[in-house]
């Protein structure tokens, strides 16, 4: 059985206002077994132990090197670049601002 992983840079969630810790890269293994519902408790379970493993790296090259050293197939997902819309407080009072 060959392991497969995905390497990505996680996005910040809606509850975060800052960007601290956003430069780390994460390696998650893709699931190899399907999930099932426990008939007694209703919990979701799986026979796949690698679904519980997540490895963090400081850079993309470290994650790729880890996969190549251990013979793990991987998919690399590059992060989307942020588009900054920079405004100043003075823009609120400019003559080109649409007044309504």
PDB file of N, CA and C in Angstrom:
ATOM      1  N   UNK A   1       0.843  -1.183   0.000  1.00  0.00           N
ATOM      2  CA  UNK A   1       0.000   0.000   0.000  1.00  0.00           C
ATOM      3  C   UNK A   1       0.887   1.243   0.000  1.00  0.00           C
ATOM      4  N   UNK A   2       0.655   2.108  -0.937  1.00  0.00           N
ATOM      5  CA  UNK A   2       1.430   3.331  -1.049  1.00  0.00           C
ATOM      6  C   UNK A   2       0.681   4.477  -0.379  1.00  0.00           C
ATOM      7  N   UNK A   3       1.392   5.203   0.466  1.00  0.00           N
ATOM      8  CA  UNK A   3       0.785   6.353   1.130  1.00  0.00           C
ATOM      9  C   UNK A   3       0.749   7.544   0.186  1.00  0.00           C
ATOM     10  N   UNK A   4      -0.290   8.335   0.314  1.00  0.00           N
ATOM     11  CA  UNK A   4      -0.411   9.569  -0.460  1.00  0.00           C
ATOM     12  C   UNK A   4      -0.676  10.694   0.523  1.00  0.00           C
ATOM     13  N   UNK A   5      -0.155  11.858   0.210  1.00  0.00           N
ATOM     14  CA  UNK A   5      -0.301  12.995   1.111  1.00  0.00           C
ATOM     15  C   UNK A   5      -0.588  14.246   0.302  1.00  0.00           C
ATOM     16  N   UNK A   6      -1.109  15.238   0.989  1.00  0.00           N
ATOM     17  CA  UNK A   6      -1.271  16.553   0.372  1.00  0.00           C
ATOM     18  C   UNK A   6      -0.519  17.564   1.206  1.00  0.00           C
ATOM     19  N   UNK A   7       0.191  18.436   0.526  1.00  0.00           N
ATOM     20  CA  UNK A   7       0.992  19.470   1.177  1.00  0.00           C
ATOM     21  C   UNK A   7       0.346  20.806   0.839  1.00  0.00           C
ATOM     22  N   UNK A   8       0.038  21.583   1.876  1.00  0.00           N
ATOM     23  CA  UNK A   8      -0.625  22.861   1.656  1.00  0.00           C
ATOM     24  C   UNK A   8      -0.289  23.818   2.788  1.00  0.00           C
ATOM     25  N   UNK A   9      -0.601  25.068   2.565  1.00  0.00           N
ATOM     26  CA  UNK A   9      -0.429  26.101   3.570  1.00  0.00           C
ATOM     27  C   UNK A   9      -1.831  26.475   4.050  1.00  0.00           C
ATOM     28  N   UNK A  10      -2.179  26.158   5.309  1.00  0.00           N
ATOM     29  CA  UNK A  10      -3.559  26.376   5.742  1.00  0.00           C
ATOM     30  C   UNK A  10      -3.931  27.855   5.760  1.00  0.00           C
ATOM     31  N   UNK A  11      -5.180  28.118   5.419  1.00  0.00           N
ATOM     32  CA  UNK A  11      -5.706  29.481   5.439  1.00  0.00           C
ATOM     33  C   UNK A  11      -6.193  29.812   6.845  1.00  0.00           C
ATOM     34  N   UNK A  12      -6.241  31.085   7.153  1.00  0.00           N
ATOM     35  CA  UNK A  12      -6.747  31.470   8.469  1.00  0.00           C
ATOM     36  C   UNK A  12      -8.252  31.311   8.495  1.00  0.00           C
ATOM     37  N   UNK A  13      -8.783  30.998   9.669  1.00  0.00           N
ATOM     38  CA  UNK A  13     -10.231  30.838   9.760  1.00  0.00           C
ATOM     39  C   UNK A  13     -10.892  32.183  10.035  1.00  0.00           C
ATOM     40  N   UNK A  14     -12.200  32.203  10.046  1.00  0.00           N
ATOM     41  CA  UNK A  14     -12.945  33.455  10.167  1.00  0.00           C
ATOM     42  C   UNK A  14     -12.797  34.097  11.540  1.00  0.00           C
ATOM     43  N   UNK A  15     -12.376  33.346  12.534  1.00  0.00           N
ATOM     44  CA  UNK A  15     -12.260  33.881  13.885  1.00  0.00           C
ATOM     45  C   UNK A  15     -10.899  34.517  14.146  1.00  0.00           C
ATOM     46  N   UNK A  16      -9.986  34.446  13.202  1.00  0.00           N
ATOM     47  CA  UNK A  16      -8.667  35.032  13.372  1.00  0.00           C
ATOM     48  C   UNK A  16      -8.611  36.406  12.717  1.00  0.00           C
ATOM     49  N   UNK A  17      -7.975  37.343  13.402  1.00  0.00           N
ATOM     50  CA  UNK A  17      -7.801  38.649  12.785  1.00  0.00           C
ATOM     51  C   UNK A  17      -6.366  38.849  12.322  1.00  0.00           C
ATOM     52  N   UNK A  18      -5.409  38.203  12.957  1.00  0.00           N
ATOM     53  CA  UNK A  18      -4.012  38.363  12.594  1.00  0.00           C
ATOM     54  C   UNK A  18      -3.536  37.295  11.635  1.00  0.00           C
ATOM     55  N   UNK A  19      -2.276  37.390  11.249  1.00  0.00           N
ATOM     56  CA  UNK A  19      -1.697  36.444  10.299  1.00  0.00           C
ATOM     57  C   UNK A  19      -0.584  35.608  10.921  1.00  0.00           C
ATOM     58  N   UNK A  20      -0.475  35.583  12.260  1.00  0.00           N
ATOM     59  CA  UNK A  20       0.577  34.823  12.920  1.00  0.00           C
ATOM     60  C   UNK A  20       0.391  33.326  12.669  1.00  0.00           C
ATOM     61  N   UNK A  21       1.484  32.656  12.377  1.00  0.00           N
ATOM     62  CA  UNK A  21       1.458  31.219  12.155  1.00  0.00           C
ATOM     63  C   UNK A  21       0.936  30.809  10.790  1.00  0.00           C
ATOM     64  N   UNK A  22       0.774  31.743   9.886  1.00  0.00           N
ATOM     65  CA  UNK A  22       0.231  31.427   8.571  1.00  0.00           C
ATOM     66  C   UNK A  22       1.316  31.003   7.579  1.00  0.00           C
ATOM     67  N   UNK A  23       2.561  31.041   7.986  1.00  0.00           N
ATOM     68  CA  UNK A  23       3.646  30.704   7.065  1.00  0.00           C
ATOM     69  C   UNK A  23       4.047  29.239   7.132  1.00  0.00           C
ATOM     70  N   UNK A  24       3.459  28.481   8.020  1.00  0.00           N
ATOM     71  CA  UNK A  24       3.780  27.059   8.142  1.00  0.00           C
ATOM     72  C   UNK A  24       3.100  26.265   7.034  1.00  0.00           C
ATOM     73  N   UNK A  25       3.692  25.140   6.685  1.00  0.00           N
ATOM     74  CA  UNK A  25       3.138  24.219   5.702  1.00  0.00           C
ATOM     75  C   UNK A  25       2.686  22.967   6.424  1.00  0.00           C
ATOM     76  N   UNK A  26       1.628  22.339   5.948  1.00  0.00           N
ATOM     77  CA  UNK A  26       1.072  21.163   6.601  1.00  0.00           C
ATOM     78  C   UNK A  26       1.024  20.000   5.621  1.00  0.00           C
ATOM     79  N   UNK A  27       1.304  18.819   6.148  1.00  0.00           N
ATOM     80  CA  UNK A  27       1.209  17.583   5.383  1.00  0.00           C
ATOM     81  C   UNK A  27       0.132  16.731   6.030  1.00  0.00           C
ATOM     82  N   UNK A  28      -0.908  16.413   5.278  1.00  0.00           N
ATOM     83  CA  UNK A  28      -1.977  15.523   5.730  1.00  0.00           C
ATOM     84  C   UNK A  28      -2.017  14.325   4.797  1.00  0.00           C
ATOM     85  N   UNK A  29      -2.197  13.149   5.369  1.00  0.00           N
ATOM     86  CA  UNK A  29      -2.324  11.943   4.556  1.00  0.00           C
ATOM     87  C   UNK A  29      -3.746  11.839   4.019  1.00  0.00           C
ATOM     88  N   UNK A  30      -3.871  11.409   2.777  1.00  0.00           N
ATOM     89  CA  UNK A  30      -5.197  11.194   2.213  1.00  0.00           C
ATOM     90  C   UNK A  30      -5.756   9.895   2.780  1.00  0.00           C
ATOM     91  N   UNK A  31      -7.068   9.853   3.022  1.00  0.00           N
ATOM     92  CA  UNK A  31      -7.644   8.646   3.628  1.00  0.00           C
ATOM     93  C   UNK A  31      -7.557   7.443   2.694  1.00  0.00           C
ATOM     94  N   UNK A  32      -7.227   6.300   3.284  1.00  0.00           N
ATOM     95  CA  UNK A  32      -7.143   5.062   2.506  1.00  0.00           C
ATOM     96  C   UNK A  32      -8.326   4.146   2.776  1.00  0.00           C
ATOM     97  N   UNK A  33      -9.096   4.424   3.814  1.00  0.00           N
ATOM     98  CA  UNK A  33     -10.270   3.619   4.134  1.00  0.00           C
ATOM     99  C   UNK A  33     -11.458   4.552   4.345  1.00  0.00           C
ATOM    100  N   UNK A  34     -12.647   4.046   4.045  1.00  0.00           N
ATOM    101  CA  UNK A  34     -13.839   4.882   4.199  1.00  0.00           C
ATOM    102  C   UNK A  34     -14.270   4.927   5.665  1.00  0.00           C
ATOM    103  N   UNK A  35     -15.024   5.937   5.999  1.00  0.00           N
ATOM    104  CA  UNK A  35     -15.546   6.092   7.360  1.00  0.00           C
ATOM    105  C   UNK A  35     -16.854   5.319   7.495  1.00  0.00           C
ATOM    106  N   UNK A  36     -17.190   4.973   8.714  1.00  0.00           N
ATOM    107  CA  UNK A  36     -18.435   4.259   8.976  1.00  0.00           C
ATOM    108  C   UNK A  36     -19.059   4.816  10.256  1.00  0.00           C
ATOM    109  N   UNK A  37     -20.350   4.654  10.389  1.00  0.00           N
ATOM    110  CA  UNK A  37     -21.069   5.101  11.580  1.00  0.00           C
ATOM    111  C   UNK A  37     -21.212   3.917  12.532  1.00  0.00           C
ATOM    112  N   UNK A  38     -20.831   4.128  13.781  1.00  0.00           N
ATOM    113  CA  UNK A  38     -20.972   3.092  14.794  1.00  0.00           C
ATOM    114  C   UNK A  38     -22.467   2.903  15.079  1.00  0.00           C
ATOM    115  N   UNK A  39     -22.985   1.665  14.991  1.00  0.00           N
ATOM    116  CA  UNK A  39     -24.427   1.480  15.144  1.00  0.00           C
ATOM    117  C   UNK A  39     -24.938   1.770  16.559  1.00  0.00           C
ATOM    118  N   UNK A  40     -24.107   1.578  17.579  1.00  0.00           N
ATOM    119  CA  UNK A  40     -24.563   1.774  18.945  1.00  0.00           C
ATOM    120  C   UNK A  40     -24.529   3.240  19.362  1.00  0.00           C
ATOM    121  N   UNK A  41     -23.403   3.917  19.159  1.00  0.00           N
ATOM    122  CA  UNK A  41     -23.231   5.283  19.626  1.00  0.00           C
ATOM    123  C   UNK A  41     -23.491   6.339  18.545  1.00  0.00           C
ATOM    124  N   UNK A  42     -23.411   5.939  17.283  1.00  0.00           N
ATOM    125  CA  UNK A  42     -23.606   6.892  16.209  1.00  0.00           C
ATOM    126  C   UNK A  42     -22.364   7.693  15.873  1.00  0.00           C
ATOM    127  N   UNK A  43     -21.232   7.374  16.494  1.00  0.00           N
ATOM    128  CA  UNK A  43     -19.993   8.080  16.206  1.00  0.00           C
ATOM    129  C   UNK A  43     -19.461   7.654  14.851  1.00  0.00           C
ATOM    130  N   UNK A  44     -18.652   8.522  14.252  1.00  0.00           N
ATOM    131  CA  UNK A  44     -18.019   8.191  12.986  1.00  0.00           C
ATOM    132  C   UNK A  44     -16.645   7.604  13.270  1.00  0.00           C
ATOM    133  N   UNK A  45     -16.352   6.473  12.670  1.00  0.00           N
ATOM    134  CA  UNK A  45     -15.072   5.815  12.883  1.00  0.00           C
ATOM    135  C   UNK A  45     -14.413   5.465  11.568  1.00  0.00           C
ATOM    136  N   UNK A  46     -13.180   5.006  11.665  1.00  0.00           N
ATOM    137  CA  UNK A  46     -12.431   4.616  10.487  1.00  0.00           C
ATOM    138  C   UNK A  46     -11.334   3.640  10.901  1.00  0.00           C
ATOM    139  N   UNK A  47     -10.944   2.780   9.993  1.00  0.00           N
ATOM    140  CA  UNK A  47      -9.832   1.864  10.224  1.00  0.00           C
ATOM    141  C   UNK A  47      -8.505   2.493   9.820  1.00  0.00           C
ATOM    142  N   UNK A  48      -8.551   3.697   9.288  1.00  0.00           N
ATOM    143  CA  UNK A  48      -7.374   4.384   8.768  1.00  0.00           C
ATOM    144  C   UNK A  48      -6.733   5.232   9.868  1.00  0.00           C
ATOM    145  N   UNK A  49      -5.569   4.822  10.341  1.00  0.00           N
ATOM    146  CA  UNK A  49      -4.894   5.565  11.407  1.00  0.00           C
ATOM    147  C   UNK A  49      -4.130   6.784  10.884  1.00  0.00           C
ATOM    148  N   UNK A  50      -3.804   6.790   9.610  1.00  0.00           N
ATOM    149  CA  UNK A  50      -3.057   7.937   9.084  1.00  0.00           C
ATOM    150  C   UNK A  50      -3.929   9.180   8.960  1.00  0.00           C
ATOM    151  N   UNK A  51      -5.244   9.029   9.037  1.00  0.00           N
ATOM    152  CA  UNK A  51      -6.112  10.204   8.960  1.00  0.00           C
ATOM    153  C   UNK A  51      -5.988  11.076  10.206  1.00  0.00           C
ATOM    154  N   UNK A  52      -5.382  10.558  11.260  1.00  0.00           N
ATOM    155  CA  UNK A  52      -5.199  11.312  12.493  1.00  0.00           C
ATOM    156  C   UNK A  52      -3.848  12.020  12.550  1.00  0.00           C
ATOM    157  N   UNK A  53      -3.018  11.799  11.543  1.00  0.00           N
ATOM    158  CA  UNK A  53      -1.666  12.348  11.550  1.00  0.00           C
ATOM    159  C   UNK A  53      -1.611  13.605  10.683  1.00  0.00           C
ATOM    160  N   UNK A  54      -1.056  14.668  11.251  1.00  0.00           N
ATOM    161  CA  UNK A  54      -0.824  15.902  10.526  1.00  0.00           C
ATOM    162  C   UNK A  54       0.557  16.407  10.933  1.00  0.00           C
ATOM    163  N   UNK A  55       1.416  16.683   9.960  1.00  0.00           N
ATOM    164  CA  UNK A  55       2.786  17.095  10.236  1.00  0.00           C
ATOM    165  C   UNK A  55       2.972  18.522   9.737  1.00  0.00           C
ATOM    166  N   UNK A  56       3.577  19.372  10.573  1.00  0.00           N
ATOM    167  CA  UNK A  56       3.823  20.767  10.195  1.00  0.00           C
ATOM    168  C   UNK A  56       5.289  20.963   9.842  1.00  0.00           C
ATOM    169  N   UNK A  57       5.530  21.834   8.864  1.00  0.00           N
ATOM    170  CA  UNK A  57       6.876  22.165   8.415  1.00  0.00           C
ATOM    171  C   UNK A  57       7.016  23.677   8.320  1.00  0.00           C
ATOM    172  N   UNK A  58       8.246  24.150   8.464  1.00  0.00           N
ATOM    173  CA  UNK A  58       8.493  25.582   8.371  1.00  0.00           C
ATOM    174  C   UNK A  58       8.473  26.084   6.927  1.00  0.00           C
ATOM    175  N   UNK A  59       8.811  25.203   5.980  1.00  0.00           N
ATOM    176  CA  UNK A  59       8.808  25.627   4.586  1.00  0.00           C
ATOM    177  C   UNK A  59       8.352  24.486   3.686  1.00  0.00           C
ATOM    178  N   UNK A  60       8.043  24.829   2.444  1.00  0.00           N
ATOM    179  CA  UNK A  60       7.531  23.881   1.463  1.00  0.00           C
ATOM    180  C   UNK A  60       8.579  22.834   1.113  1.00  0.00           C
ATOM    181  N   UNK A  61       9.831  23.253   1.013  1.00  0.00           N
ATOM    182  CA  UNK A  61      10.893  22.332   0.630  1.00  0.00           C
ATOM    183  C   UNK A  61      11.098  21.238   1.684  1.00  0.00           C
ATOM    184  N   UNK A  62      10.907  21.570   2.949  1.00  0.00           N
ATOM    185  CA  UNK A  62      11.024  20.570   4.017  1.00  0.00           C
ATOM    186  C   UNK A  62       9.954  19.505   3.905  1.00  0.00           C
ATOM    187  N   UNK A  63       8.736  19.904   3.571  1.00  0.00           N
ATOM    188  CA  UNK A  63       7.639  18.941   3.420  1.00  0.00           C
ATOM    189  C   UNK A  63       7.862  18.050   2.200  1.00  0.00           C
ATOM    190  N   UNK A  64       8.328  18.645   1.111  1.00  0.00           N
ATOM    191  CA  UNK A  64       8.598  17.852  -0.090  1.00  0.00           C
ATOM    192  C   UNK A  64       9.745  16.885   0.160  1.00  0.00           C
ATOM    193  N   UNK A  65      10.787  17.349   0.839  1.00  0.00           N
ATOM    194  CA  UNK A  65      11.917  16.479   1.171  1.00  0.00           C
ATOM    195  C   UNK A  65      11.509  15.315   2.065  1.00  0.00           C
ATOM    196  N   UNK A  66      10.605  15.563   3.012  1.00  0.00           N
ATOM    197  CA  UNK A  66      10.108  14.498   3.888  1.00  0.00           C
ATOM    198  C   UNK A  66       9.397  13.425   3.071  1.00  0.00           C
ATOM    199  N   UNK A  67       8.570  13.847   2.119  1.00  0.00           N
ATOM    200  CA  UNK A  67       7.837  12.892   1.286  1.00  0.00           C
ATOM    201  C   UNK A  67       8.779  12.091   0.391  1.00  0.00           C
ATOM    202  N   UNK A  68       9.744  12.774  -0.209  1.00  0.00           N
ATOM    203  CA  UNK A  68      10.655  12.073  -1.106  1.00  0.00           C
ATOM    204  C   UNK A  68      11.578  11.128  -0.358  1.00  0.00           C
ATOM    205  N   UNK A  69      11.991  11.494   0.853  1.00  0.00           N
ATOM    206  CA  UNK A  69      12.844  10.617   1.654  1.00  0.00           C
ATOM    207  C   UNK A  69      12.114   9.349   2.070  1.00  0.00           C
ATOM    208  N   UNK A  70      10.825   9.486   2.412  1.00  0.00           N
ATOM    209  CA  UNK A  70      10.053   8.346   2.910  1.00  0.00           C
ATOM    210  C   UNK A  70       9.235   7.651   1.826  1.00  0.00           C
ATOM    211  N   UNK A  71       9.378   8.047   0.577  1.00  0.00           N
ATOM    212  CA  UNK A  71       8.682   7.385  -0.527  1.00  0.00           C
ATOM    213  C   UNK A  71       7.178   7.605  -0.510  1.00  0.00           C
ATOM    214  N   UNK A  72       6.746   8.795  -0.143  1.00  0.00           N
ATOM    215  CA  UNK A  72       5.321   9.120  -0.071  1.00  0.00           C
ATOM    216  C   UNK A  72       4.946   9.944  -1.298  1.00  0.00           C
ATOM    217  N   UNK A  73       3.919   9.512  -2.023  1.00  0.00           N
ATOM    218  CA  UNK A  73       3.399  10.309  -3.139  1.00  0.00           C
ATOM    219  C   UNK A  73       2.686  11.522  -2.556  1.00  0.00           C
ATOM    220  N   UNK A  74       2.832  12.668  -3.207  1.00  0.00           N
ATOM    221  CA  UNK A  74       2.229  13.878  -2.653  1.00  0.00           C
ATOM    222  C   UNK A  74       1.646  14.751  -3.749  1.00  0.00           C
ATOM    223  N   UNK A  75       0.672  15.556  -3.352  1.00  0.00           N
ATOM    224  CA  UNK A  75       0.114  16.619  -4.188  1.00  0.00           C
ATOM    225  C   UNK A  75       0.415  17.926  -3.486  1.00  0.00           C
ATOM    226  N   UNK A  76       0.929  18.875  -4.225  1.00  0.00           N
ATOM    227  CA  UNK A  76       1.288  20.174  -3.666  1.00  0.00           C
ATOM    228  C   UNK A  76       0.241  21.201  -4.070  1.00  0.00           C
ATOM    229  N   UNK A  77      -0.325  21.891  -3.089  1.00  0.00           N
ATOM    230  CA  UNK A  77      -1.317  22.933  -3.326  1.00  0.00           C
ATOM    231  C   UNK A  77      -0.705  24.265  -2.924  1.00  0.00           C
ATOM    232  N   UNK A  78      -0.453  25.116  -3.916  1.00  0.00           N
ATOM    233  CA  UNK A  78       0.121  26.433  -3.648  1.00  0.00           C
ATOM    234  C   UNK A  78      -0.964  27.357  -3.094  1.00  0.00           C
ATOM    235  N   UNK A  79      -0.613  28.231  -2.150  1.00  0.00           N
ATOM    236  CA  UNK A  79      -1.629  29.155  -1.615  1.00  0.00           C
ATOM    237  C   UNK A  79      -1.957  30.252  -2.613  1.00  0.00           C
ATOM    238  N   UNK A  80      -3.175  30.770  -2.505  1.00  0.00           N
ATOM    239  CA  UNK A  80      -3.568  31.891  -3.354  1.00  0.00           C
ATOM    240  C   UNK A  80      -3.008  33.175  -2.763  1.00  0.00           C
ATOM    241  N   UNK A  81      -2.591  34.063  -3.631  1.00  0.00           N
ATOM    242  CA  UNK A  81      -2.035  35.337  -3.182  1.00  0.00           C
ATOM    243  C   UNK A  81      -3.165  36.273  -2.767  1.00  0.00           C
ATOM    244  N   UNK A  82      -2.927  36.999  -1.685  1.00  0.00           N
ATOM    245  CA  UNK A  82      -3.909  37.977  -1.213  1.00  0.00           C
ATOM    246  C   UNK A  82      -3.860  39.222  -2.070  1.00  0.00           C
ATOM    247  N   UNK A  83      -5.018  39.774  -2.357  1.00  0.00           N
ATOM    248  CA  UNK A  83      -5.086  41.042  -3.078  1.00  0.00           C
ATOM    249  C   UNK A  83      -5.424  42.114  -2.050  1.00  0.00           C
ATOM    250  N   UNK A  84      -4.487  43.003  -1.830  1.00  0.00           N
ATOM    251  CA  UNK A  84      -4.683  44.052  -0.848  1.00  0.00           C
ATOM    252  C   UNK A  84      -5.324  45.265  -1.500  1.00  0.00           C
ATOM    253  N   UNK A  85      -6.343  45.794  -0.857  1.00  0.00           N
ATOM    254  CA  UNK A  85      -7.010  47.008  -1.306  1.00  0.00           C
ATOM    255  C   UNK A  85      -6.665  48.092  -0.290  1.00  0.00           C
ATOM    256  N   UNK A  86      -5.561  48.776  -0.523  1.00  0.00           N
ATOM    257  CA  UNK A  86      -5.033  49.724   0.449  1.00  0.00           C
ATOM    258  C   UNK A  86      -5.753  51.059   0.308  1.00  0.00           C
ATOM    259  N   UNK A  87      -6.295  51.518   1.423  1.00  0.00           N
ATOM    260  CA  UNK A  87      -6.979  52.804   1.473  1.00  0.00           C
ATOM    261  C   UNK A  87      -6.410  53.610   2.632  1.00  0.00           C
ATOM    262  N   UNK A  88      -6.561  54.901   2.538  1.00  0.00           N
ATOM    263  CA  UNK A  88      -6.169  55.765   3.644  1.00  0.00           C
ATOM    264  C   UNK A  88      -7.407  56.467   4.178  1.00  0.00           C
ATOM    265  N   UNK A  89      -7.294  57.019   5.349  1.00  0.00           N
ATOM    266  CA  UNK A  89      -8.405  57.739   5.952  1.00  0.00           C
ATOM    267  C   UNK A  89      -8.771  58.970   5.124  1.00  0.00           C
ATOM    268  N   UNK A  90      -7.791  59.571   4.482  1.00  0.00           N
ATOM    269  CA  UNK A  90      -8.037  60.759   3.670  1.00  0.00           C
ATOM    270  C   UNK A  90      -8.899  60.443   2.453  1.00  0.00           C
ATOM    271  N   UNK A  91      -8.931  59.170   2.016  1.00  0.00           N
ATOM    272  CA  UNK A  91      -9.769  58.798   0.880  1.00  0.00           C
ATOM    273  C   UNK A  91     -11.257  59.025   1.165  1.00  0.00           C
ATOM    274  N   UNK A  92     -11.659  59.040   2.426  1.00  0.00           N
ATOM    275  CA  UNK A  92     -13.055  59.296   2.775  1.00  0.00           C
ATOM    276  C   UNK A  92     -13.481  60.715   2.428  1.00  0.00           C
ATOM    277  N   UNK A  93     -12.541  61.632   2.307  1.00  0.00           N
ATOM    278  CA  UNK A  93     -12.862  63.040   2.081  1.00  0.00           C
ATOM    279  C   UNK A  93     -12.391  63.551   0.721  1.00  0.00           C
ATOM    280  N   UNK A  94     -12.014  62.676  -0.170  1.00  0.00           N
ATOM    281  CA  UNK A  94     -11.512  63.113  -1.473  1.00  0.00           C
ATOM    282  C   UNK A  94     -12.661  63.575  -2.364  1.00  0.00           C
ATOM    283  N   UNK A  95     -12.345  64.417  -3.347  1.00  0.00           N
ATOM    284  CA  UNK A  95     -13.372  64.938  -4.247  1.00  0.00           C
ATOM    285  C   UNK A  95     -13.824  63.902  -5.257  1.00  0.00           C
ATOM    286  N   UNK A  96     -13.002  62.892  -5.489  1.00  0.00           N
ATOM    287  CA  UNK A  96     -13.367  61.866  -6.473  1.00  0.00           C
ATOM    288  C   UNK A  96     -14.288  60.814  -5.856  1.00  0.00           C
ATOM    289  N   UNK A  97     -14.540  60.894  -4.568  1.00  0.00           N
ATOM    290  CA  UNK A  97     -15.412  59.916  -3.919  1.00  0.00           C
ATOM    291  C   UNK A  97     -16.858  60.152  -4.350  1.00  0.00           C
ATOM    292  N   UNK A  98     -17.595  59.083  -4.598  1.00  0.00           N
ATOM    293  CA  UNK A  98     -18.986  59.184  -5.019  1.00  0.00           C
ATOM    294  C   UNK A  98     -19.815  59.628  -3.821  1.00  0.00           C
ATOM    295  N   UNK A  99     -20.545  60.687  -3.990  1.00  0.00           N
ATOM    296  CA  UNK A  99     -21.390  61.202  -2.894  1.00  0.00           C
ATOM    297  C   UNK A  99     -22.843  60.851  -3.208  1.00  0.00           C
ATOM    298  N   UNK A 100     -23.557  60.437  -2.190  1.00  0.00           N
ATOM    299  CA  UNK A 100     -24.925  60.064  -2.479  1.00  0.00           C
ATOM    300  C   UNK A 100     -25.935  60.503  -1.486  1.00  0.00           C
TER     301      UNK A 100
END
